Amino acid sequence: MHTDNNPDEPVTASDYLTTILHDATSSRLLETLVLCSPPVVFRKLWSTYFVQSGRLQKLAVHPVANFVVAKCAIRLDAEDFKEAVGELEGAWIKMRSECCPGSRFRQ
């Protein structure tokens, strides 16, 4: 991910990084990258891997990727956080049922 020349230039998603999002061991590395990367790099990660075409809902309910999503939420500004919560609005019950299978909140 090269951002030195033009931080507004779109980045193509990498299949390798997408795989890391779903791997129980490797996702810890991505969590660290999300927390420690400079703001411009985090913005590229967020816009490329999490908010495009409904990916956030799928990642938020994934048993591994949801931890990376949670680390991203820590870094979001108020506007982006509000958008993320809005995008997840339809997934709250599913997230709850995935997290707590015996919960009374299951559909």
PDB file of N, CA and C in Angstrom:
ATOM      1  N   MET A   1       0.857  -1.171   0.000  1.00  0.00           N
ATOM      2  CA  MET A   1       0.000   0.000   0.000  1.00  0.00           C
ATOM      3  C   MET A   1       0.897   1.225   0.000  1.00  0.00           C
ATOM      4  N   HIS A   2       0.996   1.899  -1.100  1.00  0.00           N
ATOM      5  CA  HIS A   2       1.865   3.055  -1.237  1.00  0.00           C
ATOM      6  C   HIS A   2       1.021   4.318  -1.193  1.00  0.00           C
ATOM      7  N   THR A   3       1.278   5.188  -0.220  1.00  0.00           N
ATOM      8  CA  THR A   3       0.455   6.387  -0.054  1.00  0.00           C
ATOM      9  C   THR A   3       1.255   7.674  -0.085  1.00  0.00           C
ATOM     10  N   ASP A   4       2.547   7.606  -0.380  1.00  0.00           N
ATOM     11  CA  ASP A   4       3.389   8.800  -0.328  1.00  0.00           C
ATOM     12  C   ASP A   4       3.042   9.837  -1.390  1.00  0.00           C
ATOM     13  N   ASN A   5       2.773   9.398  -2.609  1.00  0.00           N
ATOM     14  CA  ASN A   5       2.563  10.345  -3.700  1.00  0.00           C
ATOM     15  C   ASN A   5       1.226  11.062  -3.615  1.00  0.00           C
ATOM     16  N   ASN A   6       0.150  10.326  -3.452  1.00  0.00           N
ATOM     17  CA  ASN A   6      -1.172  10.926  -3.424  1.00  0.00           C
ATOM     18  C   ASN A   6      -2.042  10.160  -2.429  1.00  0.00           C
ATOM     19  N   PRO A   7      -2.245  10.723  -1.230  1.00  0.00           N
ATOM     20  CA  PRO A   7      -3.028  10.003  -0.218  1.00  0.00           C
ATOM     21  C   PRO A   7      -4.494   9.815  -0.603  1.00  0.00           C
ATOM     22  N   ASP A   8      -4.991  10.556  -1.579  1.00  0.00           N
ATOM     23  CA  ASP A   8      -6.381  10.422  -1.996  1.00  0.00           C
ATOM     24  C   ASP A   8      -6.565   9.408  -3.116  1.00  0.00           C
ATOM     25  N   GLU A   9      -5.470   8.898  -3.645  1.00  0.00           N
ATOM     26  CA  GLU A   9      -5.536   7.922  -4.736  1.00  0.00           C
ATOM     27  C   GLU A   9      -6.103   6.599  -4.219  1.00  0.00           C
ATOM     28  N   PRO A  10      -7.102   6.033  -4.913  1.00  0.00           N
ATOM     29  CA  PRO A  10      -7.683   4.769  -4.458  1.00  0.00           C
ATOM     30  C   PRO A  10      -6.668   3.628  -4.523  1.00  0.00           C
ATOM     31  N   VAL A  11      -6.832   2.682  -3.622  1.00  0.00           N
ATOM     32  CA  VAL A  11      -5.950   1.523  -3.543  1.00  0.00           C
ATOM     33  C   VAL A  11      -6.756   0.282  -3.898  1.00  0.00           C
ATOM     34  N   THR A  12      -6.167  -0.610  -4.668  1.00  0.00           N
ATOM     35  CA  THR A  12      -6.825  -1.863  -5.012  1.00  0.00           C
ATOM     36  C   THR A  12      -6.657  -2.844  -3.861  1.00  0.00           C
ATOM     37  N   ALA A  13      -7.732  -3.493  -3.476  1.00  0.00           N
ATOM     38  CA  ALA A  13      -7.692  -4.460  -2.377  1.00  0.00           C
ATOM     39  C   ALA A  13      -6.828  -5.656  -2.743  1.00  0.00           C
ATOM     40  N   SER A  14      -6.063  -6.117  -1.785  1.00  0.00           N
ATOM     41  CA  SER A  14      -5.193  -7.272  -1.962  1.00  0.00           C
ATOM     42  C   SER A  14      -5.892  -8.528  -1.457  1.00  0.00           C
ATOM     43  N   ASP A  15      -5.859  -9.590  -2.251  1.00  0.00           N
ATOM     44  CA  ASP A  15      -6.431 -10.861  -1.807  1.00  0.00           C
ATOM     45  C   ASP A  15      -5.700 -11.376  -0.579  1.00  0.00           C
ATOM     46  N   TYR A  16      -4.407 -11.123  -0.505  1.00  0.00           N
ATOM     47  CA  TYR A  16      -3.603 -11.583   0.626  1.00  0.00           C
ATOM     48  C   TYR A  16      -4.096 -10.939   1.925  1.00  0.00           C
ATOM     49  N   LEU A  17      -4.299  -9.629   1.910  1.00  0.00           N
ATOM     50  CA  LEU A  17      -4.762  -8.942   3.111  1.00  0.00           C
ATOM     51  C   LEU A  17      -6.184  -9.357   3.469  1.00  0.00           C
ATOM     52  N   THR A  18      -7.007  -9.605   2.470  1.00  0.00           N
ATOM     53  CA  THR A  18      -8.361 -10.097   2.731  1.00  0.00           C
ATOM     54  C   THR A  18      -8.308 -11.461   3.417  1.00  0.00           C
ATOM     55  N   THR A  19      -7.377 -12.313   3.006  1.00  0.00           N
ATOM     56  CA  THR A  19      -7.211 -13.625   3.636  1.00  0.00           C
ATOM     57  C   THR A  19      -6.767 -13.464   5.086  1.00  0.00           C
ATOM     58  N   ILE A  20      -5.856 -12.530   5.337  1.00  0.00           N
ATOM     59  CA  ILE A  20      -5.389 -12.285   6.700  1.00  0.00           C
ATOM     60  C   ILE A  20      -6.548 -11.888   7.612  1.00  0.00           C
ATOM     61  N   LEU A  21      -7.487 -11.130   7.084  1.00  0.00           N
ATOM     62  CA  LEU A  21      -8.657 -10.713   7.868  1.00  0.00           C
ATOM     63  C   LEU A  21      -9.429 -11.901   8.428  1.00  0.00           C
ATOM     64  N   HIS A  22      -9.431 -13.013   7.718  1.00  0.00           N
ATOM     65  CA  HIS A  22     -10.244 -14.168   8.087  1.00  0.00           C
ATOM     66  C   HIS A  22      -9.468 -15.276   8.790  1.00  0.00           C
ATOM     67  N   ASP A  23      -8.169 -15.102   8.973  1.00  0.00           N
ATOM     68  CA  ASP A  23      -7.339 -16.129   9.589  1.00  0.00           C
ATOM     69  C   ASP A  23      -7.127 -15.812  11.072  1.00  0.00           C
ATOM     70  N   ALA A  24      -7.382 -16.790  11.926  1.00  0.00           N
ATOM     71  CA  ALA A  24      -7.334 -16.571  13.370  1.00  0.00           C
ATOM     72  C   ALA A  24      -5.964 -16.109  13.865  1.00  0.00           C
ATOM     73  N   THR A  25      -4.908 -16.594  13.279  1.00  0.00           N
ATOM     74  CA  THR A  25      -3.568 -16.211  13.719  1.00  0.00           C
ATOM     75  C   THR A  25      -3.127 -14.906  13.076  1.00  0.00           C
ATOM     76  N   SER A  26      -3.243 -14.819  11.773  1.00  0.00           N
ATOM     77  CA  SER A  26      -2.752 -13.649  11.036  1.00  0.00           C
ATOM     78  C   SER A  26      -3.546 -12.380  11.318  1.00  0.00           C
ATOM     79  N   SER A  27      -4.802 -12.523  11.677  1.00  0.00           N
ATOM     80  CA  SER A  27      -5.622 -11.335  11.913  1.00  0.00           C
ATOM     81  C   SER A  27      -5.075 -10.497  13.066  1.00  0.00           C
ATOM     82  N   ARG A  28      -4.333 -11.127  13.971  1.00  0.00           N
ATOM     83  CA  ARG A  28      -3.721 -10.370  15.075  1.00  0.00           C
ATOM     84  C   ARG A  28      -2.713  -9.354  14.533  1.00  0.00           C
ATOM     85  N   LEU A  29      -1.999  -9.729  13.475  1.00  0.00           N
ATOM     86  CA  LEU A  29      -1.083  -8.793  12.830  1.00  0.00           C
ATOM     87  C   LEU A  29      -1.851  -7.609  12.255  1.00  0.00           C
ATOM     88  N   LEU A  30      -2.976  -7.890  11.626  1.00  0.00           N
ATOM     89  CA  LEU A  30      -3.776  -6.816  11.050  1.00  0.00           C
ATOM     90  C   LEU A  30      -4.346  -5.915  12.143  1.00  0.00           C
ATOM     91  N   GLU A  31      -4.732  -6.492  13.274  1.00  0.00           N
ATOM     92  CA  GLU A  31      -5.189  -5.671  14.404  1.00  0.00           C
ATOM     93  C   GLU A  31      -4.094  -4.688  14.823  1.00  0.00           C
ATOM     94  N   THR A  32      -2.865  -5.174  14.893  1.00  0.00           N
ATOM     95  CA  THR A  32      -1.742  -4.314  15.275  1.00  0.00           C
ATOM     96  C   THR A  32      -1.504  -3.232  14.226  1.00  0.00           C
ATOM     97  N   LEU A  33      -1.588  -3.603  12.955  1.00  0.00           N
ATOM     98  CA  LEU A  33      -1.425  -2.604  11.891  1.00  0.00           C
ATOM     99  C   LEU A  33      -2.496  -1.525  11.992  1.00  0.00           C
ATOM    100  N   VAL A  34      -3.722  -1.930  12.252  1.00  0.00           N
ATOM    101  CA  VAL A  34      -4.830  -0.971  12.367  1.00  0.00           C
ATOM    102  C   VAL A  34      -4.573   0.000  13.520  1.00  0.00           C
ATOM    103  N   LEU A  35      -4.094  -0.521  14.641  1.00  0.00           N
ATOM    104  CA  LEU A  35      -3.889   0.328  15.809  1.00  0.00           C
ATOM    105  C   LEU A  35      -2.652   1.215  15.719  1.00  0.00           C
ATOM    106  N   CYS A  36      -1.612   0.744  15.040  1.00  0.00           N
ATOM    107  CA  CYS A  36      -0.321   1.449  15.053  1.00  0.00           C
ATOM    108  C   CYS A  36       0.009   2.211  13.778  1.00  0.00           C
ATOM    109  N   SER A  37      -0.774   2.041  12.739  1.00  0.00           N
ATOM    110  CA  SER A  37      -0.444   2.691  11.468  1.00  0.00           C
ATOM    111  C   SER A  37      -0.702   4.199  11.535  1.00  0.00           C
ATOM    112  N   PRO A  38       0.021   4.954  10.732  1.00  0.00           N
ATOM    113  CA  PRO A  38      -0.241   6.397  10.649  1.00  0.00           C
ATOM    114  C   PRO A  38      -1.670   6.636  10.139  1.00  0.00           C
ATOM    115  N   PRO A  39      -2.241   7.769  10.459  1.00  0.00           N
ATOM    116  CA  PRO A  39      -3.624   8.043  10.052  1.00  0.00           C
ATOM    117  C   PRO A  39      -3.906   7.846   8.570  1.00  0.00           C
ATOM    118  N   VAL A  40      -2.998   8.264   7.691  1.00  0.00           N
ATOM    119  CA  VAL A  40      -3.251   8.133   6.253  1.00  0.00           C
ATOM    120  C   VAL A  40      -3.311   6.659   5.848  1.00  0.00           C
ATOM    121  N   VAL A  41      -2.495   5.821   6.450  1.00  0.00           N
ATOM    122  CA  VAL A  41      -2.508   4.388   6.137  1.00  0.00           C
ATOM    123  C   VAL A  41      -3.779   3.753   6.688  1.00  0.00           C
ATOM    124  N   PHE A  42      -4.160   4.112   7.909  1.00  0.00           N
ATOM    125  CA  PHE A  42      -5.403   3.577   8.466  1.00  0.00           C
ATOM    126  C   PHE A  42      -6.595   3.936   7.588  1.00  0.00           C
ATOM    127  N   ARG A  43      -6.648   5.180   7.121  1.00  0.00           N
ATOM    128  CA  ARG A  43      -7.768   5.611   6.262  1.00  0.00           C
ATOM    129  C   ARG A  43      -7.831   4.758   4.997  1.00  0.00           C
ATOM    130  N   LYS A  44      -6.667   4.438   4.421  1.00  0.00           N
ATOM    131  CA  LYS A  44      -6.631   3.586   3.225  1.00  0.00           C
ATOM    132  C   LYS A  44      -7.125   2.183   3.556  1.00  0.00           C
ATOM    133  N   LEU A  45      -6.669   1.628   4.659  1.00  0.00           N
ATOM    134  CA  LEU A  45      -7.136   0.295   5.064  1.00  0.00           C
ATOM    135  C   LEU A  45      -8.648   0.297   5.265  1.00  0.00           C
ATOM    136  N   TRP A  46      -9.130   1.297   5.981  1.00  0.00           N
ATOM    137  CA  TRP A  46     -10.560   1.376   6.292  1.00  0.00           C
ATOM    138  C   TRP A  46     -11.391   1.494   5.017  1.00  0.00           C
ATOM    139  N   SER A  47     -11.004   2.406   4.144  1.00  0.00           N
ATOM    140  CA  SER A  47     -11.805   2.625   2.934  1.00  0.00           C
ATOM    141  C   SER A  47     -11.680   1.475   1.938  1.00  0.00           C
ATOM    142  N   THR A  48     -10.553   0.799   1.919  1.00  0.00           N
ATOM    143  CA  THR A  48     -10.339  -0.273   0.948  1.00  0.00           C
ATOM    144  C   THR A  48     -10.925  -1.609   1.397  1.00  0.00           C
ATOM    145  N   TYR A  49     -10.819  -1.925   2.667  1.00  0.00           N
ATOM    146  CA  TYR A  49     -11.177  -3.271   3.122  1.00  0.00           C
ATOM    147  C   TYR A  49     -12.441  -3.369   3.964  1.00  0.00           C
ATOM    148  N   PHE A  50     -12.965  -2.262   4.441  1.00  0.00           N
ATOM    149  CA  PHE A  50     -14.085  -2.369   5.377  1.00  0.00           C
ATOM    150  C   PHE A  50     -15.375  -1.708   4.922  1.00  0.00           C
ATOM    151  N   VAL A  51     -15.320  -0.608   4.218  1.00  0.00           N
ATOM    152  CA  VAL A  51     -16.562   0.116   3.923  1.00  0.00           C
ATOM    153  C   VAL A  51     -17.045  -0.026   2.495  1.00  0.00           C
ATOM    154  N   GLN A  52     -16.361  -0.787   1.683  1.00  0.00           N
ATOM    155  CA  GLN A  52     -16.804  -0.932   0.302  1.00  0.00           C
ATOM    156  C   GLN A  52     -17.872  -2.011   0.173  1.00  0.00           C
ATOM    157  N   SER A  53     -18.938  -1.680  -0.483  1.00  0.00           N
ATOM    158  CA  SER A  53     -20.014  -2.592  -0.888  1.00  0.00           C
ATOM    159  C   SER A  53     -20.490  -3.558   0.192  1.00  0.00           C
ATOM    160  N   GLY A  54     -20.801  -3.014   1.356  1.00  0.00           N
ATOM    161  CA  GLY A  54     -21.405  -3.831   2.402  1.00  0.00           C
ATOM    162  C   GLY A  54     -20.466  -4.800   3.095  1.00  0.00           C
ATOM    163  N   ARG A  55     -19.172  -4.632   2.923  1.00  0.00           N
ATOM    164  CA  ARG A  55     -18.221  -5.543   3.565  1.00  0.00           C
ATOM    165  C   ARG A  55     -18.267  -5.464   5.082  1.00  0.00           C
ATOM    166  N   LEU A  56     -18.555  -4.303   5.621  1.00  0.00           N
ATOM    167  CA  LEU A  56     -18.499  -4.112   7.065  1.00  0.00           C
ATOM    168  C   LEU A  56     -19.440  -5.073   7.787  1.00  0.00           C
ATOM    169  N   GLN A  57     -20.652  -5.227   7.281  1.00  0.00           N
ATOM    170  CA  GLN A  57     -21.593  -6.165   7.917  1.00  0.00           C
ATOM    171  C   GLN A  57     -21.061  -7.584   7.907  1.00  0.00           C
ATOM    172  N   LYS A  58     -20.526  -8.020   6.771  1.00  0.00           N
ATOM    173  CA  LYS A  58     -19.998  -9.385   6.668  1.00  0.00           C
ATOM    174  C   LYS A  58     -18.816  -9.593   7.606  1.00  0.00           C
ATOM    175  N   LEU A  59     -17.939  -8.604   7.666  1.00  0.00           N
ATOM    176  CA  LEU A  59     -16.770  -8.728   8.532  1.00  0.00           C
ATOM    177  C   LEU A  59     -17.155  -8.654  10.010  1.00  0.00           C
ATOM    178  N   ALA A  60     -18.150  -7.858  10.329  1.00  0.00           N
ATOM    179  CA  ALA A  60     -18.561  -7.692  11.722  1.00  0.00           C
ATOM    180  C   ALA A  60     -19.169  -8.967  12.307  1.00  0.00           C
ATOM    181  N   VAL A  61     -19.755  -9.806  11.480  1.00  0.00           N
ATOM    182  CA  VAL A  61     -20.336 -11.058  11.992  1.00  0.00           C
ATOM    183  C   VAL A  61     -19.396 -12.248  11.820  1.00  0.00           C
ATOM    184  N   HIS A  62     -18.272 -12.039  11.165  1.00  0.00           N
ATOM    185  CA  HIS A  62     -17.306 -13.128  10.972  1.00  0.00           C
ATOM    186  C   HIS A  62     -16.629 -13.428  12.316  1.00  0.00           C
ATOM    187  N   PRO A  63     -16.460 -14.717  12.661  1.00  0.00           N
ATOM    188  CA  PRO A  63     -15.902 -15.072  13.972  1.00  0.00           C
ATOM    189  C   PRO A  63     -14.469 -14.595  14.213  1.00  0.00           C
ATOM    190  N   VAL A  64     -13.725 -14.276  13.186  1.00  0.00           N
ATOM    191  CA  VAL A  64     -12.356 -13.782  13.349  1.00  0.00           C
ATOM    192  C   VAL A  64     -12.260 -12.301  12.972  1.00  0.00           C
ATOM    193  N   ALA A  65     -12.775 -11.942  11.825  1.00  0.00           N
ATOM    194  CA  ALA A  65     -12.638 -10.583  11.314  1.00  0.00           C
ATOM    195  C   ALA A  65     -13.297  -9.545  12.225  1.00  0.00           C
ATOM    196  N   ASN A  66     -14.272  -9.948  13.026  1.00  0.00           N
ATOM    197  CA  ASN A  66     -14.947  -8.984  13.891  1.00  0.00           C
ATOM    198  C   ASN A  66     -13.986  -8.336  14.885  1.00  0.00           C
ATOM    199  N   PHE A  67     -12.912  -9.030  15.248  1.00  0.00           N
ATOM    200  CA  PHE A  67     -11.947  -8.442  16.166  1.00  0.00           C
ATOM    201  C   PHE A  67     -11.174  -7.307  15.498  1.00  0.00           C
ATOM    202  N   VAL A  68     -10.882  -7.462  14.221  1.00  0.00           N
ATOM    203  CA  VAL A  68     -10.204  -6.399  13.475  1.00  0.00           C
ATOM    204  C   VAL A  68     -11.153  -5.210  13.312  1.00  0.00           C
ATOM    205  N   VAL A  69     -12.416  -5.485  13.040  1.00  0.00           N
ATOM    206  CA  VAL A  69     -13.420  -4.412  12.930  1.00  0.00           C
ATOM    207  C   VAL A  69     -13.492  -3.626  14.238  1.00  0.00           C
ATOM    208  N   ALA A  70     -13.446  -4.322  15.362  1.00  0.00           N
ATOM    209  CA  ALA A  70     -13.492  -3.651  16.667  1.00  0.00           C
ATOM    210  C   ALA A  70     -12.289  -2.739  16.863  1.00  0.00           C
ATOM    211  N   LYS A  71     -11.115  -3.174  16.427  1.00  0.00           N
ATOM    212  CA  LYS A  71      -9.917  -2.327  16.530  1.00  0.00           C
ATOM    213  C   LYS A  71     -10.044  -1.109  15.623  1.00  0.00           C
ATOM    214  N   CYS A  72     -10.655  -1.294  14.467  1.00  0.00           N
ATOM    215  CA  CYS A  72     -10.883  -0.156  13.566  1.00  0.00           C
ATOM    216  C   CYS A  72     -11.803   0.869  14.214  1.00  0.00           C
ATOM    217  N   ALA A  73     -12.824   0.397  14.908  1.00  0.00           N
ATOM    218  CA  ALA A  73     -13.792   1.307  15.529  1.00  0.00           C
ATOM    219  C   ALA A  73     -13.109   2.259  16.498  1.00  0.00           C
ATOM    220  N   ILE A  74     -12.050   1.793  17.127  1.00  0.00           N
ATOM    221  CA  ILE A  74     -11.300   2.639  18.055  1.00  0.00           C
ATOM    222  C   ILE A  74     -10.678   3.833  17.339  1.00  0.00           C
ATOM    223  N   ARG A  75     -10.291   3.658  16.090  1.00  0.00           N
ATOM    224  CA  ARG A  75      -9.581   4.693  15.337  1.00  0.00           C
ATOM    225  C   ARG A  75     -10.495   5.628  14.545  1.00  0.00           C
ATOM    226  N   LEU A  76     -11.760   5.293  14.425  1.00  0.00           N
ATOM    227  CA  LEU A  76     -12.657   6.097  13.593  1.00  0.00           C
ATOM    228  C   LEU A  76     -12.965   7.442  14.236  1.00  0.00           C
ATOM    229  N   ASP A  77     -13.087   8.464  13.401  1.00  0.00           N
ATOM    230  CA  ASP A  77     -13.549   9.749  13.915  1.00  0.00           C
ATOM    231  C   ASP A  77     -15.067   9.674  14.074  1.00  0.00           C
ATOM    232  N   ALA A  78     -15.654  10.704  14.654  1.00  0.00           N
ATOM    233  CA  ALA A  78     -17.085  10.685  14.976  1.00  0.00           C
ATOM    234  C   ALA A  78     -17.953  10.458  13.744  1.00  0.00           C
ATOM    235  N   GLU A  79     -17.621  11.096  12.646  1.00  0.00           N
ATOM    236  CA  GLU A  79     -18.428  10.966  11.424  1.00  0.00           C
ATOM    237  C   GLU A  79     -18.366   9.547  10.858  1.00  0.00           C
ATOM    238  N   ASP A  80     -17.152   8.996  10.771  1.00  0.00           N
ATOM    239  CA  ASP A  80     -17.005   7.637  10.251  1.00  0.00           C
ATOM    240  C   ASP A  80     -17.627   6.606  11.182  1.00  0.00           C
ATOM    241  N   PHE A  81     -17.529   6.849  12.483  1.00  0.00           N
ATOM    242  CA  PHE A  81     -18.134   5.931  13.447  1.00  0.00           C
ATOM    243  C   PHE A  81     -19.658   5.914  13.283  1.00  0.00           C
ATOM    244  N   LYS A  82     -20.232   7.087  13.098  1.00  0.00           N
ATOM    245  CA  LYS A  82     -21.677   7.190  12.895  1.00  0.00           C
ATOM    246  C   LYS A  82     -22.097   6.444  11.628  1.00  0.00           C
ATOM    247  N   GLU A  83     -21.319   6.585  10.551  1.00  0.00           N
ATOM    248  CA  GLU A  83     -21.608   5.865   9.308  1.00  0.00           C
ATOM    249  C   GLU A  83     -21.495   4.353   9.505  1.00  0.00           C
ATOM    250  N   ALA A  84     -20.479   3.921  10.242  1.00  0.00           N
ATOM    251  CA  ALA A  84     -20.284   2.492  10.494  1.00  0.00           C
ATOM    252  C   ALA A  84     -21.442   1.922  11.290  1.00  0.00           C
ATOM    253  N   VAL A  85     -21.875   2.626  12.314  1.00  0.00           N
ATOM    254  CA  VAL A  85     -23.016   2.162  13.111  1.00  0.00           C
ATOM    255  C   VAL A  85     -24.261   2.089  12.238  1.00  0.00           C
ATOM    256  N   GLY A  86     -24.452   3.059  11.365  1.00  0.00           N
ATOM    257  CA  GLY A  86     -25.588   3.037  10.451  1.00  0.00           C
ATOM    258  C   GLY A  86     -25.533   1.854   9.501  1.00  0.00           C
ATOM    259  N   GLU A  87     -24.346   1.541   9.005  1.00  0.00           N
ATOM    260  CA  GLU A  87     -24.203   0.410   8.094  1.00  0.00           C
ATOM    261  C   GLU A  87     -24.444  -0.917   8.815  1.00  0.00           C
ATOM    262  N   LEU A  88     -24.126  -0.958  10.078  1.00  0.00           N
ATOM    263  CA  LEU A  88     -24.305  -2.188  10.850  1.00  0.00           C
ATOM    264  C   LEU A  88     -25.713  -2.341  11.422  1.00  0.00           C
ATOM    265  N   GLU A  89     -26.543  -1.349  11.217  1.00  0.00           N
ATOM    266  CA  GLU A  89     -27.881  -1.350  11.811  1.00  0.00           C
ATOM    267  C   GLU A  89     -28.646  -2.637  11.534  1.00  0.00           C
ATOM    268  N   GLY A  90     -28.583  -3.143  10.337  1.00  0.00           N
ATOM    269  CA  GLY A  90     -29.312  -4.362  10.006  1.00  0.00           C
ATOM    270  C   GLY A  90     -28.649  -5.639  10.479  1.00  0.00           C
ATOM    271  N   ALA A  91     -27.453  -5.539  11.038  1.00  0.00           N
ATOM    272  CA  ALA A  91     -26.704  -6.734  11.410  1.00  0.00           C
ATOM    273  C   ALA A  91     -26.612  -6.958  12.914  1.00  0.00           C
ATOM    274  N   TRP A  92     -27.165  -6.078  13.736  1.00  0.00           N
ATOM    275  CA  TRP A  92     -27.003  -6.205  15.188  1.00  0.00           C
ATOM    276  C   TRP A  92     -27.542  -7.525  15.723  1.00  0.00           C
ATOM    277  N   ILE A  93     -28.721  -7.918  15.297  1.00  0.00           N
ATOM    278  CA  ILE A  93     -29.311  -9.163  15.811  1.00  0.00           C
ATOM    279  C   ILE A  93     -28.480 -10.358  15.374  1.00  0.00           C
ATOM    280  N   LYS A  94     -28.020 -10.345  14.131  1.00  0.00           N
ATOM    281  CA  LYS A  94     -27.187 -11.446  13.656  1.00  0.00           C
ATOM    282  C   LYS A  94     -25.867 -11.500  14.424  1.00  0.00           C
ATOM    283  N   MET A  95     -25.271 -10.345  14.686  1.00  0.00           N
ATOM    284  CA  MET A  95     -24.025 -10.320  15.447  1.00  0.00           C
ATOM    285  C   MET A  95     -24.254 -10.879  16.847  1.00  0.00           C
ATOM    286  N   ARG A  96     -25.353 -10.510  17.455  1.00  0.00           N
ATOM    287  CA  ARG A  96     -25.672 -10.984  18.805  1.00  0.00           C
ATOM    288  C   ARG A  96     -25.887 -12.494  18.805  1.00  0.00           C
ATOM    289  N   SER A  97     -26.590 -13.011  17.816  1.00  0.00           N
ATOM    290  CA  SER A  97     -26.865 -14.448  17.785  1.00  0.00           C
ATOM    291  C   SER A  97     -25.599 -15.244  17.461  1.00  0.00           C
ATOM    292  N   GLU A  98     -24.697 -14.680  16.651  1.00  0.00           N
ATOM    293  CA  GLU A  98     -23.427 -15.354  16.348  1.00  0.00           C
ATOM    294  C   GLU A  98     -22.545 -15.385  17.589  1.00  0.00           C
ATOM    295  N   CYS A  99     -22.561 -14.303  18.340  1.00  0.00           N
ATOM    296  CA  CYS A  99     -21.723 -14.181  19.519  1.00  0.00           C
ATOM    297  C   CYS A  99     -22.240 -15.033  20.674  1.00  0.00           C
ATOM    298  N   CYS A 100     -23.536 -15.056  20.849  1.00  0.00           N
ATOM    299  CA  CYS A 100     -24.153 -15.750  21.987  1.00  0.00           C
ATOM    300  C   CYS A 100     -25.264 -16.665  21.479  1.00  0.00           C
ATOM    301  N   PRO A 101     -24.925 -17.881  21.026  1.00  0.00           N
ATOM    302  CA  PRO A 101     -25.916 -18.749  20.396  1.00  0.00           C
ATOM    303  C   PRO A 101     -27.125 -19.076  21.264  1.00  0.00           C
ATOM    304  N   GLY A 102     -26.970 -19.098  22.555  1.00  0.00           N
ATOM    305  CA  GLY A 102     -28.102 -19.410  23.429  1.00  0.00           C
ATOM    306  C   GLY A 102     -28.893 -18.197  23.866  1.00  0.00           C
ATOM    307  N   SER A 103     -28.595 -17.066  23.288  1.00  0.00           N
ATOM    308  CA  SER A 103     -29.201 -15.816  23.698  1.00  0.00           C
ATOM    309  C   SER A 103     -30.686 -15.749  23.319  1.00  0.00           C
ATOM    310  N   ARG A 104     -31.445 -15.062  24.141  1.00  0.00           N
ATOM    311  CA  ARG A 104     -32.877 -14.855  23.845  1.00  0.00           C
ATOM    312  C   ARG A 104     -33.081 -13.871  22.715  1.00  0.00           C
ATOM    313  N   PHE A 105     -31.989 -13.236  22.227  1.00  0.00           N
ATOM    314  CA  PHE A 105     -32.086 -12.261  21.155  1.00  0.00           C
ATOM    315  C   PHE A 105     -32.013 -12.888  19.769  1.00  0.00           C
ATOM    316  N   ARG A 106     -31.922 -14.188  19.694  1.00  0.00           N
ATOM    317  CA  ARG A 106     -31.864 -14.851  18.391  1.00  0.00           C
ATOM    318  C   ARG A 106     -33.158 -14.643  17.645  1.00  0.00           C
ATOM    319  N   GLN A 107     -33.056 -14.612  16.329  1.00  0.00           N
ATOM    320  CA  GLN A 107     -34.257 -14.440  15.508  1.00  0.00           C
ATOM    321  C   GLN A 107     -34.925 -15.768  15.319  1.00  0.00           C
TER     322      GLN A 107
END
